[in-house]
PDB file of all heavy atoms in Angstrom:
ATOM      1  N   SER A   1     100.090 129.086 202.453  1.00  0.00           N
ATOM      2  CA  SER A   1      99.241 127.885 202.168  1.00  0.00           C
ATOM      3  C   SER A   1      99.169 127.765 200.633  1.00  0.00           C
ATOM      4  O   SER A   1      99.292 128.651 199.880  1.00  0.00           O
ATOM      5  CB  SER A   1      97.711 128.265 202.729  1.00  0.00           C
ATOM      6  OG  SER A   1      97.712 128.400 204.081  1.00  0.00           O
ATOM      7  N   VAL A   2      98.962 126.498 200.349  1.00  0.00           N
ATOM      8  CA  VAL A   2      98.654 125.989 198.867  1.00  0.00           C
ATOM      9  C   VAL A   2      97.750 124.835 198.915  1.00  0.00           C
ATOM     10  O   VAL A   2      97.785 124.100 199.883  1.00  0.00           O
ATOM     11  CB  VAL A   2      99.939 125.831 198.223  1.00  0.00           C
ATOM     12  CG1 VAL A   2     100.643 124.606 198.770  1.00  0.00           C
ATOM     13  CG2 VAL A   2      99.728 125.651 196.694  1.00  0.00           C
ATOM     14  N   GLN A   3      96.999 124.745 197.939  1.00  0.00           N
ATOM     15  CA  GLN A   3      96.080 123.536 197.716  1.00  0.00           C
ATOM     16  C   GLN A   3      96.507 122.733 196.480  1.00  0.00           C
ATOM     17  O   GLN A   3      96.582 123.357 195.410  1.00  0.00           O
ATOM     18  CB  GLN A   3      94.649 123.944 197.629  1.00  0.00           C
ATOM     19  CG  GLN A   3      93.717 122.620 197.667  1.00  0.00           C
ATOM     20  CD  GLN A   3      92.161 122.944 197.582  1.00  0.00           C
ATOM     21  OE1 GLN A   3      91.760 123.509 196.644  1.00  0.00           O
ATOM     22  NE2 GLN A   3      91.511 122.581 198.614  1.00  0.00           N
ATOM     23  N   LEU A   4      96.858 121.516 196.677  1.00  0.00           N
ATOM     24  CA  LEU A   4      97.003 120.652 195.560  1.00  0.00           C
ATOM     25  C   LEU A   4      95.891 119.856 195.165  1.00  0.00           C
ATOM     26  O   LEU A   4      95.028 119.570 195.995  1.00  0.00           O
ATOM     27  CB  LEU A   4      98.184 119.566 195.918  1.00  0.00           C
ATOM     28  CG  LEU A   4      99.524 120.265 196.452  1.00  0.00           C
ATOM     29  CD1 LEU A   4     100.535 119.154 196.792  1.00  0.00           C
ATOM     30  CD2 LEU A   4     100.062 121.222 195.551  1.00  0.00           C
ATOM     31  N   SER A   5      95.785 119.532 193.912  1.00  0.00           N
ATOM     32  CA  SER A   5      94.648 118.704 193.378  1.00  0.00           C
ATOM     33  C   SER A   5      95.228 117.585 192.559  1.00  0.00           C
ATOM     34  O   SER A   5      96.285 117.670 191.933  1.00  0.00           O
ATOM     35  CB  SER A   5      93.697 119.587 192.497  1.00  0.00           C
ATOM     36  OG  SER A   5      93.208 120.617 193.184  1.00  0.00           O
ATOM     37  N   CYS A   6      94.469 116.411 192.576  1.00  0.00           N
ATOM     38  CA  CYS A   6      94.894 115.387 191.727  1.00  0.00           C
ATOM     39  C   CYS A   6      93.629 114.683 191.200  1.00  0.00           C
ATOM     40  O   CYS A   6      92.833 114.245 191.991  1.00  0.00           O
ATOM     41  CB  CYS A   6      95.626 114.263 192.561  1.00  0.00           C
ATOM     42  SG  CYS A   6      95.967 112.780 191.736  1.00  0.00           S
ATOM     43  N   ALA A   7      93.591 114.631 189.898  1.00  0.00           N
ATOM     44  CA  ALA A   7      92.408 114.086 189.228  1.00  0.00           C
ATOM     45  C   ALA A   7      92.685 112.773 188.749  1.00  0.00           C
ATOM     46  O   ALA A   7      93.709 112.505 188.021  1.00  0.00           O
ATOM     47  CB  ALA A   7      91.882 114.958 188.071  1.00  0.00           C
ATOM     48  N   ALA A   8      91.862 111.709 189.176  1.00  0.00           N
ATOM     49  CA  ALA A   8      92.110 110.199 188.736  1.00  0.00           C
ATOM     50  C   ALA A   8      91.249 109.879 187.583  1.00  0.00           C
ATOM     51  O   ALA A   8      90.223 110.482 187.478  1.00  0.00           O
ATOM     52  CB  ALA A   8      91.875 109.368 189.923  1.00  0.00           C
ATOM     53  N   SER A   9      91.641 108.944 186.806  1.00  0.00           N
ATOM     54  CA  SER A   9      90.925 108.567 185.662  1.00  0.00           C
ATOM     55  C   SER A   9      89.734 107.674 185.951  1.00  0.00           C
ATOM     56  O   SER A   9      88.787 107.501 185.149  1.00  0.00           O
ATOM     57  CB  SER A   9      91.796 107.839 184.651  1.00  0.00           C
ATOM     58  OG  SER A   9      92.334 106.674 185.125  1.00  0.00           O
ATOM     59  N   THR A  10      89.738 107.073 187.170  1.00  0.00           N
ATOM     60  CA  THR A  10      88.736 106.270 187.527  1.00  0.00           C
ATOM     61  C   THR A  10      88.643 106.227 189.094  1.00  0.00           C
ATOM     62  O   THR A  10      89.520 106.660 189.822  1.00  0.00           O
ATOM     63  CB  THR A  10      88.881 104.683 187.135  1.00  0.00           C
ATOM     64  OG1 THR A  10      87.686 104.014 187.310  1.00  0.00           O
ATOM     65  CG2 THR A  10      90.143 104.102 187.733  1.00  0.00           C
ATOM     66  N   SER A  11      87.579 105.632 189.616  1.00  0.00           N
ATOM     67  CA  SER A  11      87.396 105.558 191.045  1.00  0.00           C
ATOM     68  C   SER A  11      88.391 104.495 191.657  1.00  0.00           C
ATOM     69  O   SER A  11      88.677 103.562 190.974  1.00  0.00           O
ATOM     70  CB  SER A  11      85.954 105.084 191.438  1.00  0.00           C
ATOM     71  OG  SER A  11      85.830 104.957 192.823  1.00  0.00           O
ATOM     72  N   THR A  12      88.922 104.882 192.807  1.00  0.00           N
ATOM     73  CA  THR A  12      89.903 104.004 193.531  1.00  0.00           C
ATOM     74  C   THR A  12      89.649 104.137 195.016  1.00  0.00           C
ATOM     75  O   THR A  12      89.355 105.134 195.485  1.00  0.00           O
ATOM     76  CB  THR A  12      91.306 104.270 193.124  1.00  0.00           C
ATOM     77  OG1 THR A  12      92.273 103.287 193.662  1.00  0.00           O
ATOM     78  CG2 THR A  12      91.717 105.651 193.569  1.00  0.00           C
ATOM     79  N   TYR A  13      89.917 103.115 195.850  1.00  0.00           N
ATOM     80  CA  TYR A  13      89.634 103.092 197.234  1.00  0.00           C
ATOM     81  C   TYR A  13      90.472 104.003 197.995  1.00  0.00           C
ATOM     82  O   TYR A  13      89.889 104.752 198.826  1.00  0.00           O
ATOM     83  CB  TYR A  13      89.663 101.684 197.769  1.00  0.00           C
ATOM     84  CG  TYR A  13      89.076 101.624 199.123  1.00  0.00           C
ATOM     85  CD1 TYR A  13      87.616 101.590 199.253  1.00  0.00           C
ATOM     86  CD2 TYR A  13      89.905 101.639 200.280  1.00  0.00           C
ATOM     87  CE1 TYR A  13      87.108 101.494 200.514  1.00  0.00           C
ATOM     88  CE2 TYR A  13      89.316 101.494 201.527  1.00  0.00           C
ATOM     89  CZ  TYR A  13      87.850 101.395 201.630  1.00  0.00           C
ATOM     90  OH  TYR A  13      87.341 101.451 202.925  1.00  0.00           O
ATOM     91  N   CYS A  14      91.729 103.986 197.786  1.00  0.00           N
ATOM     92  CA  CYS A  14      92.617 104.893 198.417  1.00  0.00           C
ATOM     93  C   CYS A  14      93.301 105.862 197.483  1.00  0.00           C
ATOM     94  O   CYS A  14      93.887 105.471 196.462  1.00  0.00           O
ATOM     95  CB  CYS A  14      93.799 103.997 199.232  1.00  0.00           C
ATOM     96  SG  CYS A  14      95.007 104.967 199.922  1.00  0.00           S
ATOM     97  N   LEU A  15      93.343 107.114 197.872  1.00  0.00           N
ATOM     98  CA  LEU A  15      94.086 108.113 197.270  1.00  0.00           C
ATOM     99  C   LEU A  15      95.031 108.773 198.319  1.00  0.00           C
ATOM    100  O   LEU A  15      94.512 109.087 199.459  1.00  0.00           O
ATOM    101  CB  LEU A  15      93.241 109.162 196.644  1.00  0.00           C
ATOM    102  CG  LEU A  15      92.431 108.673 195.450  1.00  0.00           C
ATOM    103  CD1 LEU A  15      91.360 109.705 195.052  1.00  0.00           C
ATOM    104  CD2 LEU A  15      93.239 108.433 194.277  1.00  0.00           C
ATOM    105  N   GLU A  16      96.280 108.876 197.953  1.00  0.00           N
ATOM    106  CA  GLU A  16      97.241 109.370 198.872  1.00  0.00           C
ATOM    107  C   GLU A  16      98.122 110.425 198.066  1.00  0.00           C
ATOM    108  O   GLU A  16      98.349 110.479 197.035  1.00  0.00           O
ATOM    109  CB  GLU A  16      98.210 108.269 199.421  1.00  0.00           C
ATOM    110  CG  GLU A  16      97.499 107.361 200.438  1.00  0.00           C
ATOM    111  CD  GLU A  16      98.441 106.539 201.206  1.00  0.00           C
ATOM    112  OE1 GLU A  16      99.635 106.675 201.155  1.00  0.00           O
ATOM    113  OE2 GLU A  16      97.892 105.624 201.905  1.00  0.00           O
ATOM    114  N   TRP A  17      98.706 111.248 199.048  1.00  0.00           N
ATOM    115  CA  TRP A  17      99.775 112.190 198.600  1.00  0.00           C
ATOM    116  C   TRP A  17     101.181 111.799 199.204  1.00  0.00           C
ATOM    117  O   TRP A  17     101.230 111.484 200.349  1.00  0.00           O
ATOM    118  CB  TRP A  17      99.481 113.580 199.123  1.00  0.00           C
ATOM    119  CG  TRP A  17      98.324 114.247 198.381  1.00  0.00           C
ATOM    120  CD1 TRP A  17      97.116 114.356 198.641  1.00  0.00           C
ATOM    121  CD2 TRP A  17      98.510 114.904 197.106  1.00  0.00           C
ATOM    122  NE1 TRP A  17      96.412 114.983 197.634  1.00  0.00           N
ATOM    123  CE2 TRP A  17      97.206 115.378 196.698  1.00  0.00           C
ATOM    124  CE3 TRP A  17      99.522 115.122 196.199  1.00  0.00           C
ATOM    125  CZ2 TRP A  17      96.924 116.071 195.519  1.00  0.00           C
ATOM    126  CZ3 TRP A  17      99.297 115.821 194.952  1.00  0.00           C
ATOM    127  CH2 TRP A  17      98.032 116.263 194.611  1.00  0.00           C
ATOM    128  N   PHE A  18     102.200 111.851 198.387  1.00  0.00           N
ATOM    129  CA  PHE A  18     103.490 111.459 198.814  1.00  0.00           C
ATOM    130  C   PHE A  18     104.360 112.694 198.264  1.00  0.00           C
ATOM    131  O   PHE A  18     103.938 113.473 197.539  1.00  0.00           O
ATOM    132  CB  PHE A  18     104.058 110.265 198.093  1.00  0.00           C
ATOM    133  CG  PHE A  18     103.340 108.991 198.513  1.00  0.00           C
ATOM    134  CD1 PHE A  18     102.116 108.647 197.973  1.00  0.00           C
ATOM    135  CD2 PHE A  18     103.937 108.104 199.363  1.00  0.00           C
ATOM    136  CE1 PHE A  18     101.497 107.397 198.366  1.00  0.00           C
ATOM    137  CE2 PHE A  18     103.351 106.897 199.733  1.00  0.00           C
ATOM    138  CZ  PHE A  18     102.137 106.631 199.266  1.00  0.00           C
ATOM    139  N   ARG A  19     105.584 112.748 198.963  1.00  0.00           N
ATOM    140  CA  ARG A  19     106.505 113.766 198.583  1.00  0.00           C
ATOM    141  C   ARG A  19     107.906 113.252 198.522  1.00  0.00           C
ATOM    142  O   ARG A  19     108.203 112.287 199.221  1.00  0.00           O
ATOM    143  CB  ARG A  19     106.363 115.037 199.465  1.00  0.00           C
ATOM    144  CG  ARG A  19     106.784 114.749 200.982  1.00  0.00           C
ATOM    145  CD  ARG A  19     106.529 116.018 201.692  1.00  0.00           C
ATOM    146  NE  ARG A  19     106.974 115.868 203.106  1.00  0.00           N
ATOM    147  CZ  ARG A  19     106.618 116.694 204.067  1.00  0.00           C
ATOM    148  NH1 ARG A  19     105.945 117.921 203.785  1.00  0.00           N
ATOM    149  NH2 ARG A  19     107.067 116.519 205.321  1.00  0.00           N
ATOM    150  N   GLN A  20     108.678 113.951 197.701  1.00  0.00           N
ATOM    151  CA  GLN A  20     110.147 113.523 197.646  1.00  0.00           C
ATOM    152  C   GLN A  20     111.034 114.680 197.565  1.00  0.00           C
ATOM    153  O   GLN A  20     110.862 115.416 196.545  1.00  0.00           O
ATOM    154  CB  GLN A  20     110.291 112.498 196.452  1.00  0.00           C
ATOM    155  CG  GLN A  20     111.603 111.837 196.495  1.00  0.00           C
ATOM    156  CD  GLN A  20     111.784 110.698 195.541  1.00  0.00           C
ATOM    157  OE1 GLN A  20     111.097 110.688 194.579  1.00  0.00           O
ATOM    158  NE2 GLN A  20     112.662 109.769 195.814  1.00  0.00           N
ATOM    159  N   ALA A  21     111.872 114.838 198.460  1.00  0.00           N
ATOM    160  CA  ALA A  21     112.883 115.949 198.394  1.00  0.00           C
ATOM    161  C   ALA A  21     114.149 115.323 197.923  1.00  0.00           C
ATOM    162  O   ALA A  21     114.494 114.198 197.944  1.00  0.00           O
ATOM    163  CB  ALA A  21     113.092 116.478 199.842  1.00  0.00           C
ATOM    164  N   PRO A  22     115.019 116.168 197.391  1.00  0.00           N
ATOM    165  CA  PRO A  22     116.266 115.761 196.808  1.00  0.00           C
ATOM    166  C   PRO A  22     117.029 114.913 197.797  1.00  0.00           C
ATOM    167  O   PRO A  22     117.236 115.301 198.971  1.00  0.00           O
ATOM    168  CB  PRO A  22     117.027 117.001 196.455  1.00  0.00           C
ATOM    169  CG  PRO A  22     115.921 117.971 196.244  1.00  0.00           C
ATOM    170  CD  PRO A  22     114.812 117.618 197.175  1.00  0.00           C
ATOM    171  N   GLY A  23     117.628 113.720 197.426  1.00  0.00           N
ATOM    172  CA  GLY A  23     118.340 112.929 198.261  1.00  0.00           C
ATOM    173  C   GLY A  23     117.643 112.143 199.242  1.00  0.00           C
ATOM    174  O   GLY A  23     118.173 111.421 200.151  1.00  0.00           O
ATOM    175  N   LYS A  24     116.314 112.209 199.413  1.00  0.00           N
ATOM    176  CA  LYS A  24     115.435 111.548 200.221  1.00  0.00           C
ATOM    177  C   LYS A  24     114.582 110.584 199.553  1.00  0.00           C
ATOM    178  O   LYS A  24     114.244 110.643 198.438  1.00  0.00           O
ATOM    179  CB  LYS A  24     114.717 112.402 201.132  1.00  0.00           C
ATOM    180  CG  LYS A  24     115.583 113.419 201.876  1.00  0.00           C
ATOM    181  CD  LYS A  24     114.684 114.179 202.848  1.00  0.00           C
ATOM    182  CE  LYS A  24     115.738 115.129 203.842  1.00  0.00           C
ATOM    183  NZ  LYS A  24     114.773 115.874 204.776  1.00  0.00           N
ATOM    184  N   GLU A  25     114.093 109.584 200.328  1.00  0.00           N
ATOM    185  CA  GLU A  25     113.029 108.650 199.746  1.00  0.00           C
ATOM    186  C   GLU A  25     111.610 109.218 199.740  1.00  0.00           C
ATOM    187  O   GLU A  25     111.351 110.176 200.425  1.00  0.00           O
ATOM    188  CB  GLU A  25     112.931 107.478 200.725  1.00  0.00           C
ATOM    189  CG  GLU A  25     114.238 106.483 200.734  1.00  0.00           C
ATOM    190  CD  GLU A  25     114.048 105.300 201.566  1.00  0.00           C
ATOM    191  OE1 GLU A  25     113.098 105.230 202.251  1.00  0.00           O
ATOM    192  OE2 GLU A  25     114.843 104.386 201.382  1.00  0.00           O
ATOM    193  N   ARG A  26     110.738 108.782 198.888  1.00  0.00           N
ATOM    194  CA  ARG A  26     109.508 109.289 198.718  1.00  0.00           C
ATOM    195  C   ARG A  26     108.753 108.822 200.092  1.00  0.00           C
ATOM    196  O   ARG A  26     108.824 107.648 200.436  1.00  0.00           O
ATOM    197  CB  ARG A  26     108.769 108.568 197.478  1.00  0.00           C
ATOM    198  CG  ARG A  26     107.457 109.226 197.144  1.00  0.00           C
ATOM    199  CD  ARG A  26     106.948 108.820 195.759  1.00  0.00           C
ATOM    200  NE  ARG A  26     107.807 109.177 194.698  1.00  0.00           N
ATOM    201  CZ  ARG A  26     107.612 109.050 193.379  1.00  0.00           C
ATOM    202  NH1 ARG A  26     106.365 108.552 193.148  1.00  0.00           N
ATOM    203  NH2 ARG A  26     108.421 109.500 192.502  1.00  0.00           N
ATOM    204  N   GLU A  27     108.103 109.688 200.583  1.00  0.00           N
ATOM    205  CA  GLU A  27     107.342 109.416 201.835  1.00  0.00           C
ATOM    206  C   GLU A  27     105.880 109.805 201.808  1.00  0.00           C
ATOM    207  O   GLU A  27     105.485 110.787 201.075  1.00  0.00           O
ATOM    208  CB  GLU A  27     107.998 110.306 203.091  1.00  0.00           C
ATOM    209  CG  GLU A  27     107.923 111.808 202.802  1.00  0.00           C
ATOM    210  CD  GLU A  27     108.498 112.585 203.967  1.00  0.00           C
ATOM    211  OE1 GLU A  27     108.639 111.982 205.105  1.00  0.00           O
ATOM    212  OE2 GLU A  27     108.655 113.790 203.862  1.00  0.00           O
ATOM    213  N   GLY A  28     105.089 109.004 202.460  1.00  0.00           N
ATOM    214  CA  GLY A  28     103.687 109.314 202.416  1.00  0.00           C
ATOM    215  C   GLY A  28     103.392 110.464 203.392  1.00  0.00           C
ATOM    216  O   GLY A  28     103.801 110.604 204.514  1.00  0.00           O
ATOM    217  N   VAL A  29     102.606 111.243 202.869  1.00  0.00           N
ATOM    218  CA  VAL A  29     102.165 112.638 203.525  1.00  0.00           C
ATOM    219  C   VAL A  29     100.684 112.508 204.110  1.00  0.00           C
ATOM    220  O   VAL A  29     100.505 112.724 205.350  1.00  0.00           O
ATOM    221  CB  VAL A  29     102.325 113.838 202.608  1.00  0.00           C
ATOM    222  CG1 VAL A  29     101.657 114.994 203.340  1.00  0.00           C
ATOM    223  CG2 VAL A  29     103.650 114.043 202.106  1.00  0.00           C
ATOM    224  N   ALA A  30      99.801 112.076 203.264  1.00  0.00           N
ATOM    225  CA  ALA A  30      98.333 111.971 203.660  1.00  0.00           C
ATOM    226  C   ALA A  30      97.626 111.001 202.838  1.00  0.00           C
ATOM    227  O   ALA A  30      98.006 110.890 201.627  1.00  0.00           O
ATOM    228  CB  ALA A  30      97.745 113.278 203.734  1.00  0.00           C
ATOM    229  N   GLY A  31      96.641 110.365 203.403  1.00  0.00           N
ATOM    230  CA  GLY A  31      95.862 109.429 202.619  1.00  0.00           C
ATOM    231  C   GLY A  31      94.382 109.574 202.931  1.00  0.00           C
ATOM    232  O   GLY A  31      94.090 109.974 204.094  1.00  0.00           O
ATOM    233  N   ILE A  32      93.508 109.221 202.034  1.00  0.00           N
ATOM    234  CA  ILE A  32      92.166 109.180 202.288  1.00  0.00           C
ATOM    235  C   ILE A  32      91.432 108.075 201.482  1.00  0.00           C
ATOM    236  O   ILE A  32      91.711 107.854 200.400  1.00  0.00           O
ATOM    237  CB  ILE A  32      91.485 110.557 201.936  1.00  0.00           C
ATOM    238  CG1 ILE A  32      90.032 110.659 202.306  1.00  0.00           C
ATOM    239  CG2 ILE A  32      91.631 110.847 200.422  1.00  0.00           C
ATOM    240  CD1 ILE A  32      89.431 111.972 202.310  1.00  0.00           C
ATOM    241  N   GLU A  33      90.542 107.404 202.277  1.00  0.00           N
ATOM    242  CA  GLU A  33      89.860 106.215 201.675  1.00  0.00           C
ATOM    243  C   GLU A  33      88.418 106.639 201.160  1.00  0.00           C
ATOM    244  O   GLU A  33      87.995 107.828 201.476  1.00  0.00           O
ATOM    245  CB  GLU A  33      89.749 105.135 202.698  1.00  0.00           C
ATOM    246  CG  GLU A  33      91.097 104.568 203.056  1.00  0.00           C
ATOM    247  CD  GLU A  33      91.147 103.515 204.156  1.00  0.00           C
ATOM    248  OE1 GLU A  33      90.081 103.422 204.911  1.00  0.00           O
ATOM    249  OE2 GLU A  33      92.211 102.900 204.372  1.00  0.00           O
ATOM    250  N   TYR A  34      87.769 105.788 200.495  1.00  0.00           N
ATOM    251  CA  TYR A  34      86.640 106.201 199.657  1.00  0.00           C
ATOM    252  C   TYR A  34      85.554 106.767 200.615  1.00  0.00           C
ATOM    253  O   TYR A  34      84.762 107.649 200.265  1.00  0.00           O
ATOM    254  CB  TYR A  34      86.095 104.876 199.009  1.00  0.00           C
ATOM    255  CG  TYR A  34      84.976 105.185 198.109  1.00  0.00           C
ATOM    256  CD1 TYR A  34      85.309 105.577 196.683  1.00  0.00           C
ATOM    257  CD2 TYR A  34      83.671 105.101 198.403  1.00  0.00           C
ATOM    258  CE1 TYR A  34      84.247 105.880 195.830  1.00  0.00           C
ATOM    259  CE2 TYR A  34      82.547 105.424 197.501  1.00  0.00           C
ATOM    260  CZ  TYR A  34      83.002 105.827 196.242  1.00  0.00           C
ATOM    261  OH  TYR A  34      81.910 106.172 195.220  1.00  0.00           O
ATOM    262  N   PHE A  35      85.408 106.152 201.877  1.00  0.00           N
ATOM    263  CA  PHE A  35      84.368 106.726 202.743  1.00  0.00           C
ATOM    264  C   PHE A  35      84.925 107.652 203.707  1.00  0.00           C
ATOM    265  O   PHE A  35      84.221 108.126 204.685  1.00  0.00           O
ATOM    266  CB  PHE A  35      83.759 105.489 203.558  1.00  0.00           C
ATOM    267  CG  PHE A  35      83.123 104.525 202.578  1.00  0.00           C
ATOM    268  CD1 PHE A  35      83.670 103.313 202.281  1.00  0.00           C
ATOM    269  CD2 PHE A  35      81.704 104.857 201.974  1.00  0.00           C
ATOM    270  CE1 PHE A  35      82.958 102.452 201.378  1.00  0.00           C
ATOM    271  CE2 PHE A  35      81.201 103.955 201.089  1.00  0.00           C
ATOM    272  CZ  PHE A  35      81.714 102.850 200.909  1.00  0.00           C
ATOM    273  N   GLY A  36      86.110 108.233 203.477  1.00  0.00           N
ATOM    274  CA  GLY A  36      86.538 109.427 204.185  1.00  0.00           C
ATOM    275  C   GLY A  36      87.602 109.202 205.356  1.00  0.00           C
ATOM    276  O   GLY A  36      87.892 110.118 205.942  1.00  0.00           O
ATOM    277  N   LYS A  37      87.942 108.003 205.655  1.00  0.00           N
ATOM    278  CA  LYS A  37      88.918 107.796 206.661  1.00  0.00           C
ATOM    279  C   LYS A  37      90.370 108.464 206.158  1.00  0.00           C
ATOM    280  O   LYS A  37      90.654 108.128 205.087  1.00  0.00           O
ATOM    281  CB  LYS A  37      89.195 106.359 206.986  1.00  0.00           C
ATOM    282  CG  LYS A  37      90.141 106.088 208.135  1.00  0.00           C
ATOM    283  CD  LYS A  37      90.274 104.545 208.490  1.00  0.00           C
ATOM    284  CE  LYS A  37      91.054 104.488 209.611  1.00  0.00           C
ATOM    285  NZ  LYS A  37      91.198 102.968 210.083  1.00  0.00           N
ATOM    286  N   THR A  38      90.952 109.168 207.071  1.00  0.00           N
ATOM    287  CA  THR A  38      92.126 109.855 206.704  1.00  0.00           C
ATOM    288  C   THR A  38      93.342 109.399 207.476  1.00  0.00           C
ATOM    289  O   THR A  38      93.107 108.845 208.682  1.00  0.00           O
ATOM    290  CB  THR A  38      91.945 111.288 206.896  1.00  0.00           C
ATOM    291  OG1 THR A  38      91.571 111.693 208.201  1.00  0.00           O
ATOM    292  CG2 THR A  38      91.004 111.797 205.904  1.00  0.00           C
ATOM    293  N   TYR A  39      94.588 109.577 206.912  1.00  0.00           N
ATOM    294  CA  TYR A  39      95.738 109.285 207.551  1.00  0.00           C
ATOM    295  C   TYR A  39      96.807 110.414 207.242  1.00  0.00           C
ATOM    296  O   TYR A  39      96.744 110.969 206.173  1.00  0.00           O
ATOM    297  CB  TYR A  39      96.392 107.915 206.849  1.00  0.00           C
ATOM    298  CG  TYR A  39      95.500 106.809 206.954  1.00  0.00           C
ATOM    299  CD1 TYR A  39      94.414 106.578 206.020  1.00  0.00           C
ATOM    300  CD2 TYR A  39      95.658 105.758 207.798  1.00  0.00           C
ATOM    301  CE1 TYR A  39      93.519 105.554 206.012  1.00  0.00           C
ATOM    302  CE2 TYR A  39      94.870 104.560 207.857  1.00  0.00           C
ATOM    303  CZ  TYR A  39      93.799 104.596 206.941  1.00  0.00           C
ATOM    304  OH  TYR A  39      92.975 103.391 206.893  1.00  0.00           O
ATOM    305  N   TYR A  40      97.622 110.720 208.296  1.00  0.00           N
ATOM    306  CA  TYR A  40      98.558 111.840 208.030  1.00  0.00           C
ATOM    307  C   TYR A  40      99.766 111.397 208.645  1.00  0.00           C
ATOM    308  O   TYR A  40      99.894 110.650 209.700  1.00  0.00           O
ATOM    309  CB  TYR A  40      98.064 113.068 208.805  1.00  0.00           C
ATOM    310  CG  TYR A  40      96.823 113.663 208.262  1.00  0.00           C
ATOM    311  CD1 TYR A  40      95.607 113.446 208.757  1.00  0.00           C
ATOM    312  CD2 TYR A  40      96.916 114.544 207.199  1.00  0.00           C
ATOM    313  CE1 TYR A  40      94.468 113.978 208.233  1.00  0.00           C
ATOM    314  CE2 TYR A  40      95.815 115.199 206.650  1.00  0.00           C
ATOM    315  CZ  TYR A  40      94.532 114.804 207.234  1.00  0.00           C
ATOM    316  OH  TYR A  40      93.497 115.501 206.678  1.00  0.00           O
ATOM    317  N   ALA A  41     100.903 111.740 208.101  1.00  0.00           N
ATOM    318  CA  ALA A  41     102.230 111.807 208.653  1.00  0.00           C
ATOM    319  C   ALA A  41     102.261 112.641 209.838  1.00  0.00           C
ATOM    320  O   ALA A  41     101.722 113.745 209.860  1.00  0.00           O
ATOM    321  CB  ALA A  41     103.306 112.110 207.662  1.00  0.00           C
ATOM    322  N   ASP A  42     103.042 112.301 210.858  1.00  0.00           N
ATOM    323  CA  ASP A  42     103.228 113.174 211.978  1.00  0.00           C
ATOM    324  C   ASP A  42     103.634 114.534 211.701  1.00  0.00           C
ATOM    325  O   ASP A  42     103.254 115.495 212.408  1.00  0.00           O
ATOM    326  CB  ASP A  42     104.031 112.452 213.177  1.00  0.00           C
ATOM    327  CG  ASP A  42     103.531 111.212 213.739  1.00  0.00           C
ATOM    328  OD1 ASP A  42     102.221 111.078 213.647  1.00  0.00           O
ATOM    329  OD2 ASP A  42     104.203 110.425 214.422  1.00  0.00           O
ATOM    330  N   SER A  43     104.516 114.660 210.766  1.00  0.00           N
ATOM    331  CA  SER A  43     105.071 115.922 210.471  1.00  0.00           C
ATOM    332  C   SER A  43     104.069 116.970 209.919  1.00  0.00           C
ATOM    333  O   SER A  43     104.337 118.186 209.864  1.00  0.00           O
ATOM    334  CB  SER A  43     106.267 115.776 209.460  1.00  0.00           C
ATOM    335  OG  SER A  43     105.806 115.144 208.264  1.00  0.00           O
TER     336      SER A  43
END
């Protein structure tokens, strides 16, 4: 396990995590909106 953190300079409605492996496109991993709604890639 590992926990990633991301600090933003200001408030924003949506914050998401993406990832990019060599030779592949950047893909969305997970997102969260201001009031807590979450989104996840199936993987």
